[in-house]
Amino acid sequence: MFDTHMLNEQGKLDMAVYKSTIADAVKLVASKMPDGRDKSLFITKMEEGVFFGAKAIASKPGNFESKTEY
């Protein structure tokens, strides 16, 4: 559940593509929103989603070279 995965080169590439793609999308959508609570919540929830997506990518077999289990 709380394992730490050391990404290999494929994992690093997958993570970079994932994060840059999501970041570009969030920036584009957020630029269309007025400042305020709704925009802030949108960005916060996207950050939360990206965290779990990154966890999933890191734990995908073939994307890590070692794993520390807790």
Protein backbone atom coordinates (compact mmCIF):
# COMPACT_ATOMS: atom_id res chain seq x y z
CA MET A 1 0.00 0.00 0.00
CA PHE A 2 2.77 2.47 0.92
CA ASP A 3 5.44 0.97 -1.33
CA THR A 4 8.08 3.19 -2.89
CA HIS A 5 8.98 2.47 -6.51
CA MET A 6 12.27 3.57 -8.06
CA LEU A 7 11.42 4.31 -11.66
CA ASN A 8 13.47 2.88 -14.49
CA GLU A 9 13.99 4.76 -17.76
CA GLN A 10 10.64 3.61 -19.19
CA GLY A 11 8.87 4.66 -16.00
CA LYS A 12 10.57 8.07 -16.06
CA LEU A 13 9.51 8.58 -19.68
CA ASP A 14 5.92 7.49 -18.98
CA MET A 15 5.78 9.79 -15.93
CA ALA A 16 7.15 12.78 -17.84
CA VAL A 17 4.63 12.33 -20.67
CA TYR A 18 1.78 11.86 -18.19
CA LYS A 19 2.60 14.90 -16.06
CA SER A 20 3.35 17.25 -18.93
CA THR A 21 0.18 16.23 -20.77
CA ILE A 22 -2.01 16.77 -17.70
CA ALA A 23 -0.22 20.03 -16.82
CA ASP A 24 -0.83 21.41 -20.31
CA ALA A 25 -4.51 20.46 -20.15
CA VAL A 26 -4.99 21.96 -16.68
CA LYS A 27 -3.26 25.20 -17.68
CA LEU A 28 -5.44 25.51 -20.76
CA VAL A 29 -8.69 24.86 -18.92
CA ALA A 30 -7.74 26.99 -15.89
CA SER A 31 -6.93 29.92 -18.18
CA LYS A 32 -10.58 29.93 -19.26
CA MET A 33 -11.81 30.24 -15.66
CA PRO A 34 -12.13 33.35 -13.54
CA ASP A 35 -10.06 33.44 -10.38
CA GLY A 36 -11.94 32.26 -7.35
CA ARG A 37 -12.93 29.32 -5.23
CA ASP A 38 -14.16 27.13 -8.10
CA LYS A 39 -10.91 27.52 -10.02
CA SER A 40 -8.89 26.85 -6.88
CA LEU A 41 -10.88 23.69 -6.17
CA PHE A 42 -10.50 22.56 -9.76
CA ILE A 43 -6.71 22.89 -9.58
CA THR A 44 -6.57 21.19 -6.17
CA LYS A 45 -8.65 18.23 -7.33
CA MET A 46 -6.57 17.88 -10.47
CA GLU A 47 -3.41 17.83 -8.34
CA GLU A 48 -4.98 15.10 -6.23
CA GLY A 49 -5.89 13.09 -9.31
CA VAL A 50 -2.39 13.48 -10.75
CA PHE A 51 -0.94 12.14 -7.51
CA PHE A 52 -2.94 8.92 -7.79
CA GLY A 53 -2.25 8.62 -11.50
CA ALA A 54 1.48 8.94 -10.82
CA LYS A 55 1.23 6.26 -8.16
CA ALA A 56 -0.45 3.96 -10.67
CA ILE A 57 2.18 4.61 -13.34
CA ALA A 58 5.02 4.07 -10.86
CA SER A 59 3.61 0.73 -9.72
CA LYS A 60 3.00 -0.60 -13.24
CA PRO A 61 5.15 -3.67 -13.88
CA GLY A 62 7.97 -2.71 -16.21
CA ASN A 63 8.13 0.90 -14.99
CA PHE A 64 10.28 0.40 -11.91
CA GLU A 65 13.66 -1.13 -11.16
CA SER A 66 13.17 -1.65 -7.44
CA LYS A 67 10.45 -1.44 -4.83
CA THR A 68 10.65 -0.81 -1.10
CA GLU A 69 7.74 -2.40 0.73
CA TYR A 70 6.39 -1.05 4.00
